[in-house]
């Protein structure tokens, strides 16, 4: 719960919180996560077709700078709206927290 990715929720707010799930990674480390699968029924899937290589290279050829961005960490740079934060809460032994930034996976993220 660091880097400004989450904040503690006040006890006087109306709460709807999924039960926590403990997962174990392949390297043996454990992590507490929220089970947000119920949100998938409310999401409207969006389609993002891959661009044609020729069109992409044509656009890149006219660029002055070309940079790289880590696609995994890039998600954590985007903030959630206030309404989305209320849906992305997690309960842990020291309180209830809501995510401030997008956590992977989130379907239909822009």
C-alpha atoms as a PDB file:
ATOM      1  CA  UNK A   1       0.000   0.000   0.000  1.00  0.00           C
ATOM      2  CA  UNK A   2       2.616   2.528  -1.044  1.00  0.00           C
ATOM      3  CA  UNK A   3       3.446   4.927  -3.884  1.00  0.00           C
ATOM      4  CA  UNK A   4       0.044   6.629  -3.633  1.00  0.00           C
ATOM      5  CA  UNK A   5      -1.713   3.641  -5.181  1.00  0.00           C
ATOM      6  CA  UNK A   6      -4.354   3.332  -2.441  1.00  0.00           C
ATOM      7  CA  UNK A   7      -5.909   5.150   0.504  1.00  0.00           C
ATOM      8  CA  UNK A   8      -7.704   4.115   3.690  1.00  0.00           C
ATOM      9  CA  UNK A   9     -11.505   4.431   3.604  1.00  0.00           C
ATOM     10  CA  UNK A  10     -13.400   6.229   6.395  1.00  0.00           C
ATOM     11  CA  UNK A  11     -15.591   4.008   8.557  1.00  0.00           C
ATOM     12  CA  UNK A  12     -18.655   6.238   8.065  1.00  0.00           C
ATOM     13  CA  UNK A  13     -18.837   5.576   4.304  1.00  0.00           C
ATOM     14  CA  UNK A  14     -21.239   3.003   2.881  1.00  0.00           C
ATOM     15  CA  UNK A  15     -19.081  -0.004   2.124  1.00  0.00           C
ATOM     16  CA  UNK A  16     -19.322  -2.811  -0.375  1.00  0.00           C
ATOM     17  CA  UNK A  17     -16.103  -4.768  -0.160  1.00  0.00           C
ATOM     18  CA  UNK A  18     -15.132  -8.111  -1.704  1.00  0.00           C
ATOM     19  CA  UNK A  19     -13.562 -10.743   0.499  1.00  0.00           C
ATOM     20  CA  UNK A  20      -9.772 -10.829   0.258  1.00  0.00           C
ATOM     21  CA  UNK A  21      -8.007 -13.658  -1.522  1.00  0.00           C
ATOM     22  CA  UNK A  22      -4.424 -14.709  -0.798  1.00  0.00           C
ATOM     23  CA  UNK A  23      -2.488 -15.786  -3.870  1.00  0.00           C
ATOM     24  CA  UNK A  24       0.943 -17.362  -4.046  1.00  0.00           C
ATOM     25  CA  UNK A  25       3.280 -16.444  -6.890  1.00  0.00           C
ATOM     26  CA  UNK A  26       5.550 -18.938  -8.631  1.00  0.00           C
ATOM     27  CA  UNK A  27       8.489 -17.629  -6.576  1.00  0.00           C
ATOM     28  CA  UNK A  28       6.717 -18.525  -3.304  1.00  0.00           C
ATOM     29  CA  UNK A  29       5.759 -14.965  -2.264  1.00  0.00           C
ATOM     30  CA  UNK A  30       2.156 -14.330  -1.192  1.00  0.00           C
ATOM     31  CA  UNK A  31      -0.064 -11.321  -1.838  1.00  0.00           C
ATOM     32  CA  UNK A  32      -3.548 -10.233  -0.693  1.00  0.00           C
ATOM     33  CA  UNK A  33      -5.843  -9.256  -3.569  1.00  0.00           C
ATOM     34  CA  UNK A  34      -9.530  -8.445  -4.025  1.00  0.00           C
ATOM     35  CA  UNK A  35     -11.817 -10.693  -6.057  1.00  0.00           C
ATOM     36  CA  UNK A  36     -13.318  -8.217  -8.529  1.00  0.00           C
ATOM     37  CA  UNK A  37     -14.758 -10.756 -10.996  1.00  0.00           C
ATOM     38  CA  UNK A  38     -18.307  -9.579 -10.235  1.00  0.00           C
ATOM     39  CA  UNK A  39     -17.426  -6.206 -11.823  1.00  0.00           C
ATOM     40  CA  UNK A  40     -16.822  -7.909 -15.172  1.00  0.00           C
ATOM     41  CA  UNK A  41     -20.586  -8.370 -15.649  1.00  0.00           C
ATOM     42  CA  UNK A  42     -21.016  -4.577 -15.644  1.00  0.00           C
ATOM     43  CA  UNK A  43     -18.126  -3.729 -17.969  1.00  0.00           C
ATOM     44  CA  UNK A  44     -18.815  -3.119 -21.631  1.00  0.00           C
ATOM     45  CA  UNK A  45     -16.003  -4.740 -23.632  1.00  0.00           C
ATOM     46  CA  UNK A  46     -14.205  -2.491 -26.078  1.00  0.00           C
ATOM     47  CA  UNK A  47     -12.314  -3.615 -29.115  1.00  0.00           C
ATOM     48  CA  UNK A  48      -8.805  -2.402 -29.842  1.00  0.00           C
ATOM     49  CA  UNK A  49      -7.726  -3.843 -33.190  1.00  0.00           C
ATOM     50  CA  UNK A  50      -4.004  -3.913 -33.850  1.00  0.00           C
ATOM     51  CA  UNK A  51      -2.843  -1.138 -36.184  1.00  0.00           C
ATOM     52  CA  UNK A  52      -1.297  -2.053 -39.495  1.00  0.00           C
ATOM     53  CA  UNK A  53       2.492  -2.171 -39.372  1.00  0.00           C
ATOM     54  CA  UNK A  54       2.856   0.047 -42.455  1.00  0.00           C
ATOM     55  CA  UNK A  55       0.667   2.777 -40.896  1.00  0.00           C
ATOM     56  CA  UNK A  56       2.575   2.603 -37.613  1.00  0.00           C
ATOM     57  CA  UNK A  57       5.985   2.816 -39.300  1.00  0.00           C
ATOM     58  CA  UNK A  58       4.801   5.727 -41.440  1.00  0.00           C
ATOM     59  CA  UNK A  59       3.738   7.624 -38.321  1.00  0.00           C
ATOM     60  CA  UNK A  60       7.002   6.772 -36.543  1.00  0.00           C
ATOM     61  CA  UNK A  61       9.093   7.968 -39.487  1.00  0.00           C
ATOM     62  CA  UNK A  62       7.683  11.466 -39.004  1.00  0.00           C
ATOM     63  CA  UNK A  63       8.395  11.497 -35.257  1.00  0.00           C
ATOM     64  CA  UNK A  64      11.075  13.632 -33.714  1.00  0.00           C
ATOM     65  CA  UNK A  65      11.428  11.480 -30.576  1.00  0.00           C
ATOM     66  CA  UNK A  66      10.713   7.813 -29.983  1.00  0.00           C
ATOM     67  CA  UNK A  67      10.406   6.534 -26.415  1.00  0.00           C
ATOM     68  CA  UNK A  68       9.653   3.213 -24.755  1.00  0.00           C
ATOM     69  CA  UNK A  69       7.216   2.619 -21.912  1.00  0.00           C
ATOM     70  CA  UNK A  70       6.952  -0.444 -19.736  1.00  0.00           C
ATOM     71  CA  UNK A  71       3.424  -1.728 -20.400  1.00  0.00           C
ATOM     72  CA  UNK A  72       3.122  -3.397 -16.999  1.00  0.00           C
ATOM     73  CA  UNK A  73       4.077  -0.347 -14.938  1.00  0.00           C
ATOM     74  CA  UNK A  74       2.272   2.053 -17.276  1.00  0.00           C
ATOM     75  CA  UNK A  75      -1.117   0.955 -15.919  1.00  0.00           C
ATOM     76  CA  UNK A  76      -0.169   2.177 -12.450  1.00  0.00           C
ATOM     77  CA  UNK A  77       0.346   5.721 -13.757  1.00  0.00           C
ATOM     78  CA  UNK A  78      -3.366   6.221 -14.532  1.00  0.00           C
ATOM     79  CA  UNK A  79      -5.800   7.310 -11.821  1.00  0.00           C
ATOM     80  CA  UNK A  80      -9.261   5.841 -11.238  1.00  0.00           C
ATOM     81  CA  UNK A  81     -12.332   8.086 -11.109  1.00  0.00           C
ATOM     82  CA  UNK A  82     -14.102   8.563  -7.761  1.00  0.00           C
ATOM     83  CA  UNK A  83     -16.926   6.212  -8.798  1.00  0.00           C
ATOM     84  CA  UNK A  84     -14.456   3.529  -9.897  1.00  0.00           C
ATOM     85  CA  UNK A  85     -12.527   3.779  -6.628  1.00  0.00           C
ATOM     86  CA  UNK A  86     -15.619   2.789  -4.645  1.00  0.00           C
ATOM     87  CA  UNK A  87     -15.872  -0.390  -6.716  1.00  0.00           C
ATOM     88  CA  UNK A  88     -12.193  -1.283  -6.287  1.00  0.00           C
ATOM     89  CA  UNK A  89     -11.980  -1.587  -2.494  1.00  0.00           C
ATOM     90  CA  UNK A  90     -10.158  -4.280  -0.583  1.00  0.00           C
ATOM     91  CA  UNK A  91     -10.311  -5.225   3.092  1.00  0.00           C
ATOM     92  CA  UNK A  92      -7.161  -6.170   4.972  1.00  0.00           C
ATOM     93  CA  UNK A  93      -6.456  -6.751   8.667  1.00  0.00           C
ATOM     94  CA  UNK A  94      -5.616  -3.064   9.277  1.00  0.00           C
ATOM     95  CA  UNK A  95      -8.587  -1.476   7.504  1.00  0.00           C
ATOM     96  CA  UNK A  96     -10.426  -1.007   4.227  1.00  0.00           C
ATOM     97  CA  UNK A  97      -8.559   0.546   1.319  1.00  0.00           C
ATOM     98  CA  UNK A  98      -9.542   1.701  -2.140  1.00  0.00           C
ATOM     99  CA  UNK A  99      -7.204   1.810  -5.088  1.00  0.00           C
ATOM    100  CA  UNK A 100      -6.400   5.278  -6.448  1.00  0.00           C
ATOM    101  CA  UNK A 101      -4.597   4.000  -9.526  1.00  0.00           C
ATOM    102  CA  UNK A 102      -5.457   1.325 -12.067  1.00  0.00           C
ATOM    103  CA  UNK A 103      -4.451  -2.157 -10.965  1.00  0.00           C
ATOM    104  CA  UNK A 104      -3.946  -4.989 -13.414  1.00  0.00           C
ATOM    105  CA  UNK A 105      -6.125  -6.633 -14.652  1.00  0.00           C
ATOM    106  CA  UNK A 106      -8.909  -4.192 -15.367  1.00  0.00           C
ATOM    107  CA  UNK A 107     -10.934  -4.966 -18.472  1.00  0.00           C
ATOM    108  CA  UNK A 108     -11.754  -2.084 -20.810  1.00  0.00           C
ATOM    109  CA  UNK A 109      -9.121   0.259 -19.394  1.00  0.00           C
ATOM    110  CA  UNK A 110      -8.326   3.246 -21.549  1.00  0.00           C
END
